[in-house]
Protein backbone atom coordinates (compact mmCIF):
# COMPACT_ATOMS: atom_id res chain seq x y z
CA MET A 1 10.78 4.03 13.30
CA SER A 2 10.24 7.22 11.36
CA THR A 3 8.22 7.34 8.17
CA ARG A 4 10.25 7.23 4.97
CA VAL A 5 8.83 7.69 1.46
CA VAL A 6 11.09 7.30 -1.58
CA LEU A 7 10.08 7.59 -5.24
CA LEU A 8 11.84 4.66 -6.93
CA ARG A 9 10.68 5.08 -10.55
CA HIS A 10 8.08 6.95 -12.56
CA THR A 11 6.71 7.35 -16.06
CA PRO A 12 8.66 10.04 -17.88
CA ASP A 13 6.34 12.88 -18.93
CA PRO A 14 3.22 11.28 -17.36
CA ASP A 15 0.83 14.08 -18.38
CA ARG A 16 1.69 13.57 -22.06
CA VAL A 17 1.26 9.77 -21.85
CA CYS A 18 -2.15 10.13 -20.18
CA ALA A 19 -3.28 12.84 -22.61
CA ALA A 20 -2.28 10.71 -25.60
CA ALA A 21 -4.27 7.79 -24.17
CA ALA A 22 -7.28 10.06 -23.56
CA ALA A 23 -7.11 11.66 -27.01
CA SER A 24 -6.88 8.26 -28.70
CA CYS A 25 -10.32 7.38 -27.32
CA TYR A 26 -11.87 10.17 -29.38
CA SER A 27 -9.65 10.14 -32.46
CA ALA A 28 -9.11 7.99 -35.52
CA SER A 29 -5.38 8.44 -34.91
CA GLY A 30 -3.47 6.19 -32.53
CA ALA A 31 -1.91 7.32 -29.26
CA ALA A 32 1.60 7.22 -30.75
CA SER A 33 0.85 9.81 -33.43
CA LEU A 34 -1.25 11.93 -31.05
CA ASP A 35 1.59 11.95 -28.51
CA GLY A 36 3.95 13.55 -31.01
CA SER A 37 1.44 16.16 -32.18
CA MET A 38 0.40 17.70 -28.84
CA ASP A 39 2.03 20.75 -27.36
CA ALA A 40 1.94 21.45 -23.59
CA GLU A 41 -1.31 23.46 -23.85
CA LYS A 42 -3.06 20.67 -25.79
CA VAL A 43 -1.92 18.11 -23.18
CA ARG A 44 -3.38 20.33 -20.43
CA ARG A 45 -6.70 20.76 -22.26
CA VAL A 46 -7.10 17.07 -23.13
CA LEU A 47 -6.37 15.94 -19.57
CA GLY A 48 -8.64 18.60 -18.08
CA SER A 49 -11.47 17.57 -20.37
CA ALA A 50 -11.03 13.87 -19.61
CA VAL A 51 -11.08 14.45 -15.86
CA ARG A 52 -14.12 16.77 -16.02
CA LYS A 53 -15.97 14.08 -17.99
CA GLY A 54 -15.10 11.47 -15.37
CA HIS A 55 -12.80 9.59 -17.74
CA HIS A 56 -10.31 8.90 -14.96
CA SER A 57 -9.04 5.56 -16.28
CA VAL A 58 -6.71 7.40 -18.67
CA LEU A 59 -4.74 8.58 -15.64
CA GLU A 60 -3.77 4.97 -14.95
CA HIS A 61 -1.29 5.10 -17.83
CA ALA A 62 1.13 6.97 -15.57
CA SER A 63 3.11 4.86 -13.14
CA PHE A 64 4.85 5.88 -9.92
CA THR A 65 6.57 3.35 -7.66
CA PHE A 66 7.20 4.38 -4.07
CA SER A 67 8.89 2.67 -1.16
CA LEU A 68 7.08 3.38 2.11
CA GLU A 69 8.70 2.47 5.41
CA GLY A 70 7.62 3.09 8.97
CA VAL A 71 3.91 3.38 8.19
CA SER A 72 1.15 1.63 10.08
CA ARG A 73 -0.50 -1.60 8.99
CA ALA A 74 -3.83 0.28 9.23
CA MET A 75 -2.62 2.83 6.66
CA THR A 76 -1.39 0.20 4.22
CA HIS A 77 -4.65 -1.71 4.56
CA GLN A 78 -6.57 1.43 3.57
CA LEU A 79 -4.36 1.81 0.47
CA VAL A 80 -5.01 -1.80 -0.53
CA ARG A 81 -8.72 -1.57 0.31
CA HIS A 82 -9.30 1.36 -2.03
CA ARG A 83 -7.18 -0.26 -4.75
CA ILE A 84 -5.89 2.89 -6.39
CA ALA A 85 -2.67 1.18 -7.45
CA SER A 86 -0.67 -2.04 -7.26
CA TYR A 87 0.96 -2.99 -3.98
CA SER A 88 3.68 -5.26 -2.67
CA GLN A 89 3.84 -5.33 1.10
CA GLN A 90 6.43 -6.83 3.44
CA SER A 91 5.08 -10.13 4.73
CA GLN A 92 5.06 -10.64 8.47
CA ARG A 93 4.81 -14.33 7.72
CA TYR A 94 8.25 -14.47 6.09
CA VAL A 95 10.09 -11.52 7.64
CA ARG A 96 11.03 -11.96 11.27
CA LEU A 97 10.48 -8.89 13.42
CA ASP A 98 13.04 -8.87 16.20
CA ARG A 99 11.44 -5.84 17.78
CA PRO A 100 8.00 -4.62 16.72
CA ASP A 101 7.30 -0.96 16.09
CA PHE A 102 3.65 -0.36 16.94
CA THR A 103 1.85 2.71 15.63
CA THR A 104 0.01 4.38 18.49
CA PRO A 105 -3.28 6.05 17.51
CA PRO A 106 -3.06 9.84 18.12
CA GLU A 107 -6.01 9.89 20.54
CA VAL A 108 -4.36 7.18 22.63
CA ALA A 109 -0.98 8.95 22.55
CA ARG A 110 -2.55 12.15 23.96
CA ARG A 111 -3.88 10.38 27.07
CA PRO A 112 -1.14 9.11 29.41
CA GLY A 113 -3.28 6.36 31.01
CA ALA A 114 -4.47 5.16 27.62
CA ARG A 115 -0.91 5.24 26.26
CA GLU A 116 0.35 3.10 29.13
CA ALA A 117 -2.49 0.59 28.66
CA PHE A 118 -1.87 0.46 24.91
CA ASP A 119 1.87 -0.08 25.33
CA ARG A 120 1.24 -2.82 27.90
CA ALA A 121 -1.31 -4.56 25.62
CA MET A 122 1.03 -4.39 22.61
CA GLY A 123 3.87 -5.82 24.71
CA GLU A 124 1.64 -8.68 25.88
CA ALA A 125 0.52 -9.38 22.31
CA TRP A 126 4.14 -9.50 21.14
CA THR A 127 5.07 -11.85 23.99
CA ALA A 128 2.19 -14.20 23.09
CA TYR A 129 3.17 -14.12 19.42
CA SER A 130 6.80 -14.87 20.26
CA ARG A 131 5.69 -17.86 22.34
CA LEU A 132 3.80 -19.23 19.34
CA LEU A 133 6.98 -19.06 17.30
CA GLU A 134 8.98 -20.75 20.03
CA ALA A 135 6.35 -23.51 20.19
CA GLY A 136 7.07 -24.41 16.60
CA CYS A 137 4.63 -22.26 14.68
CA PRO A 138 6.77 -21.54 11.58
CA ARG A 139 6.35 -18.33 9.63
CA ARG A 140 9.03 -18.33 7.05
CA THR A 141 8.51 -21.66 5.35
CA PRO A 142 5.95 -21.56 2.52
CA GLY A 143 3.22 -24.15 2.84
CA THR A 144 3.58 -24.67 6.59
CA SER A 145 1.16 -23.70 9.31
CA CYS A 146 0.87 -23.70 13.08
CA PRO A 147 0.30 -27.05 14.78
CA THR A 148 -3.34 -28.08 14.98
CA PRO A 149 -4.73 -27.51 18.48
CA PRO A 150 -5.85 -30.65 20.32
CA ALA A 151 -9.44 -31.71 19.71
CA ARG A 152 -11.90 -30.58 22.34
CA THR A 153 -13.72 -33.31 24.15
CA SER A 154 -17.21 -32.98 25.57
CA PRO A 155 -17.68 -33.60 29.31
């Protein structure tokens, strides 16, 4: 699967919104009146000043919603880990994968022997996972879980 990134929606005039929010922190006037009174140069100066001072939270007033497809689970976990935005991720618990698309690390892809071992291991992992599903381990029903393994007995 190839990577696909699509911008779904965004805040109109995001620089102006963020600058109005920043300026309101240092002004007796509210953001609404400041928004209407700033020209493009003032917006640039206010945002530049806020960022230089480390007042980065004002940048959170802009919103951009992207759809990302064909990216690795490792990449999406880094996005979530650093929490720079809000995320909604396709659930492998509820969405059945008929054929997995594994992301091969570049170093592994460059080495033929490593690539073959990686592909074999991913195929074996998928086979084991599929067997769990066939054995009655539901994924798509909220509130259900895999059967409890039998209790181990001591010799």
